[in-house]
């Protein structure tokens, strides 16, 4: 299941109750804030956060991607 470009805070428990093995969230545009919200709500489903916005014409360089992955790892 993939979710993006929405405000998920109010529906996190409902998302967690879906029968999904992994849910991927667009996380890069929100500066990974969704990961903080999921942790605060004790989200139990496996998460696949997005590293960069594939809809943007700008592709981040390798260093930026590495930094984002490190930030994600610190939050999950």
N, C-alpha and C. Protein backbone atom coordinates (compact mmCIF):
# COMPACT_ATOMS: atom_id res chain seq x y z
N UNK A 1 0.85 -1.17 0.00
CA UNK A 1 0.00 0.00 0.00
C UNK A 1 0.89 1.22 0.00
N UNK A 2 0.54 2.21 -0.82
CA UNK A 2 1.31 3.45 -0.92
C UNK A 2 0.40 4.62 -0.64
N UNK A 3 0.87 5.56 0.17
CA UNK A 3 0.09 6.76 0.50
C UNK A 3 0.99 7.97 0.37
N UNK A 4 0.42 9.03 -0.22
CA UNK A 4 1.22 10.25 -0.37
C UNK A 4 0.33 11.48 -0.43
N UNK A 5 0.97 12.62 -0.17
CA UNK A 5 0.38 13.95 -0.31
C UNK A 5 -0.93 14.11 0.46
N UNK A 6 -0.96 13.67 1.69
CA UNK A 6 -2.15 13.82 2.53
C UNK A 6 -1.72 14.12 3.95
N UNK A 7 -2.68 14.54 4.75
CA UNK A 7 -2.47 14.73 6.17
C UNK A 7 -2.97 13.46 6.85
N UNK A 8 -2.06 12.66 7.39
CA UNK A 8 -2.40 11.35 7.91
C UNK A 8 -2.63 11.31 9.42
N UNK A 9 -2.31 12.36 10.13
CA UNK A 9 -2.30 12.33 11.59
C UNK A 9 -3.59 11.77 12.18
N UNK A 10 -4.73 12.24 11.71
CA UNK A 10 -6.01 11.83 12.29
C UNK A 10 -6.40 10.39 11.95
N UNK A 11 -5.82 9.82 10.92
CA UNK A 11 -6.25 8.48 10.49
C UNK A 11 -5.17 7.41 10.67
N UNK A 12 -4.10 7.73 11.38
CA UNK A 12 -3.02 6.77 11.58
C UNK A 12 -3.52 5.46 12.20
N UNK A 13 -4.37 5.50 13.23
CA UNK A 13 -4.85 4.21 13.77
C UNK A 13 -5.62 3.38 12.73
N UNK A 14 -6.41 4.03 11.91
CA UNK A 14 -7.16 3.30 10.87
C UNK A 14 -6.22 2.70 9.83
N UNK A 15 -5.17 3.44 9.49
CA UNK A 15 -4.18 2.92 8.53
C UNK A 15 -3.49 1.70 9.13
N UNK A 16 -3.16 1.79 10.40
CA UNK A 16 -2.48 0.68 11.06
C UNK A 16 -3.37 -0.57 11.12
N UNK A 17 -4.68 -0.38 11.14
CA UNK A 17 -5.61 -1.50 11.20
C UNK A 17 -5.88 -2.13 9.84
N UNK A 18 -5.35 -1.54 8.76
CA UNK A 18 -5.51 -2.15 7.44
C UNK A 18 -4.72 -3.46 7.41
N UNK A 19 -5.10 -4.35 6.55
CA UNK A 19 -4.41 -5.64 6.46
C UNK A 19 -3.26 -5.52 5.44
N UNK A 20 -2.27 -4.70 5.78
CA UNK A 20 -1.12 -4.50 4.89
C UNK A 20 0.14 -4.96 5.59
N UNK A 21 1.03 -5.58 4.83
CA UNK A 21 2.32 -5.99 5.40
C UNK A 21 3.25 -4.79 5.55
N UNK A 22 3.25 -3.92 4.54
CA UNK A 22 4.11 -2.73 4.52
C UNK A 22 3.32 -1.59 3.90
N UNK A 23 3.46 -0.41 4.47
CA UNK A 23 2.84 0.78 3.90
C UNK A 23 3.95 1.75 3.58
N UNK A 24 3.99 2.20 2.33
CA UNK A 24 4.99 3.20 1.96
C UNK A 24 4.34 4.58 1.99
N UNK A 25 5.02 5.49 2.63
CA UNK A 25 4.56 6.87 2.77
C UNK A 25 5.51 7.79 2.04
N UNK A 26 4.96 8.79 1.38
CA UNK A 26 5.80 9.87 0.85
C UNK A 26 6.26 10.63 2.08
N UNK A 27 7.54 10.69 2.31
CA UNK A 27 8.05 11.31 3.53
C UNK A 27 8.97 12.49 3.26
N UNK A 28 9.52 12.60 2.08
CA UNK A 28 10.55 13.60 1.83
C UNK A 28 10.01 15.02 1.79
N UNK A 29 8.82 15.22 1.27
CA UNK A 29 8.28 16.58 1.17
C UNK A 29 7.92 17.15 2.54
N UNK A 30 7.66 16.27 3.50
CA UNK A 30 7.29 16.71 4.84
C UNK A 30 8.48 16.70 5.79
N UNK A 31 9.68 16.58 5.24
CA UNK A 31 10.89 16.53 6.06
C UNK A 31 10.83 15.38 7.06
N UNK A 32 10.26 14.26 6.62
CA UNK A 32 10.16 13.03 7.40
C UNK A 32 9.26 13.14 8.63
N UNK A 33 8.44 14.20 8.72
CA UNK A 33 7.58 14.38 9.88
C UNK A 33 6.60 13.23 10.07
N UNK A 34 6.17 12.59 8.99
CA UNK A 34 5.24 11.47 9.11
C UNK A 34 5.84 10.37 9.99
N UNK A 35 7.14 10.19 9.94
CA UNK A 35 7.77 9.15 10.77
C UNK A 35 7.64 9.47 12.25
N UNK A 36 7.76 10.74 12.61
CA UNK A 36 7.57 11.15 14.01
C UNK A 36 6.13 10.90 14.45
N UNK A 37 5.18 11.22 13.56
CA UNK A 37 3.77 11.02 13.87
C UNK A 37 3.45 9.53 14.04
N UNK A 38 4.00 8.69 13.17
CA UNK A 38 3.77 7.26 13.28
C UNK A 38 4.32 6.71 14.59
N UNK A 39 5.51 7.16 14.96
CA UNK A 39 6.13 6.70 16.21
C UNK A 39 5.30 7.15 17.41
N UNK A 40 4.83 8.39 17.38
CA UNK A 40 4.03 8.91 18.49
C UNK A 40 2.72 8.14 18.66
N UNK A 41 2.18 7.62 17.56
CA UNK A 41 0.92 6.86 17.61
C UNK A 41 1.16 5.36 17.76
N UNK A 42 2.41 4.95 17.99
CA UNK A 42 2.77 3.54 18.17
C UNK A 42 2.35 2.69 16.97
N UNK A 43 2.61 3.19 15.79
CA UNK A 43 2.27 2.51 14.54
C UNK A 43 3.02 1.19 14.46
N UNK A 44 2.31 0.10 14.19
CA UNK A 44 2.91 -1.24 14.22
C UNK A 44 3.22 -1.84 12.85
N UNK A 45 2.58 -1.35 11.80
CA UNK A 45 2.79 -1.89 10.46
C UNK A 45 4.18 -1.49 9.96
N UNK A 46 4.83 -2.36 9.20
CA UNK A 46 6.13 -2.02 8.61
C UNK A 46 5.97 -0.81 7.69
N UNK A 47 6.99 0.04 7.67
CA UNK A 47 6.92 1.30 6.93
C UNK A 47 8.05 1.38 5.91
N UNK A 48 7.71 1.89 4.74
CA UNK A 48 8.70 2.17 3.70
C UNK A 48 8.61 3.64 3.35
N UNK A 49 9.38 4.50 4.03
CA UNK A 49 9.30 5.93 3.74
C UNK A 49 10.03 6.30 2.45
N UNK A 50 9.47 7.25 1.73
CA UNK A 50 10.11 7.71 0.50
C UNK A 50 11.34 8.54 0.79
N UNK A 51 12.36 8.38 -0.04
CA UNK A 51 13.63 9.08 0.16
C UNK A 51 13.65 10.42 -0.57
N UNK A 52 13.02 10.47 -1.75
CA UNK A 52 12.90 11.76 -2.44
C UNK A 52 11.64 11.77 -3.27
N UNK A 53 11.20 12.97 -3.64
CA UNK A 53 9.95 13.16 -4.37
C UNK A 53 10.16 12.86 -5.84
N UNK A 54 9.62 11.75 -6.30
CA UNK A 54 9.81 11.36 -7.70
C UNK A 54 9.05 12.26 -8.66
N UNK A 55 8.14 13.09 -8.15
CA UNK A 55 7.39 14.00 -9.01
C UNK A 55 8.11 15.33 -9.21
N UNK A 56 9.18 15.53 -8.49
CA UNK A 56 9.96 16.76 -8.63
C UNK A 56 10.94 16.61 -9.79
N UNK A 57 11.13 17.68 -10.56
CA UNK A 57 12.12 17.60 -11.63
C UNK A 57 13.56 17.54 -11.10
N UNK A 58 13.74 17.88 -9.83
CA UNK A 58 15.08 17.87 -9.24
C UNK A 58 15.36 16.50 -8.62
N UNK A 59 16.42 15.89 -9.05
CA UNK A 59 16.85 14.61 -8.48
C UNK A 59 18.00 14.89 -7.51
N UNK A 60 17.85 14.48 -6.25
CA UNK A 60 18.92 14.75 -5.28
C UNK A 60 20.19 13.98 -5.62
N UNK A 61 21.30 14.55 -5.21
CA UNK A 61 22.56 13.85 -5.46
C UNK A 61 22.75 12.72 -4.45
N UNK A 62 23.77 11.92 -4.67
CA UNK A 62 24.01 10.75 -3.83
C UNK A 62 24.18 11.10 -2.36
N UNK A 63 24.86 12.19 -2.09
CA UNK A 63 25.07 12.62 -0.70
C UNK A 63 23.76 12.98 -0.02
N UNK A 64 22.89 13.67 -0.74
CA UNK A 64 21.59 14.03 -0.17
C UNK A 64 20.75 12.78 0.12
N UNK A 65 20.80 11.82 -0.78
CA UNK A 65 20.06 10.58 -0.57
C UNK A 65 20.63 9.83 0.64
N UNK A 66 21.95 9.77 0.74
CA UNK A 66 22.59 9.14 1.91
C UNK A 66 22.15 9.82 3.20
N UNK A 67 22.14 11.14 3.21
CA UNK A 67 21.73 11.89 4.41
C UNK A 67 20.28 11.60 4.78
N UNK A 68 19.42 11.53 3.78
CA UNK A 68 18.01 11.25 4.04
C UNK A 68 17.84 9.84 4.59
N UNK A 69 18.55 8.89 4.03
CA UNK A 69 18.47 7.51 4.53
C UNK A 69 18.96 7.44 5.97
N UNK A 70 20.03 8.14 6.29
CA UNK A 70 20.53 8.17 7.67
C UNK A 70 19.48 8.78 8.61
N UNK A 71 18.82 9.84 8.17
CA UNK A 71 17.78 10.47 8.99
C UNK A 71 16.61 9.52 9.19
N UNK A 72 16.23 8.79 8.14
CA UNK A 72 15.15 7.82 8.26
C UNK A 72 15.52 6.72 9.25
N UNK A 73 16.73 6.21 9.14
CA UNK A 73 17.17 5.13 10.03
C UNK A 73 17.17 5.57 11.50
N UNK A 74 17.43 6.84 11.73
CA UNK A 74 17.41 7.36 13.10
C UNK A 74 15.99 7.44 13.66
N UNK A 75 15.00 7.45 12.77
CA UNK A 75 13.61 7.61 13.20
C UNK A 75 12.81 6.31 13.24
N UNK A 76 13.28 5.28 12.55
CA UNK A 76 12.49 4.03 12.53
C UNK A 76 13.09 2.98 13.44
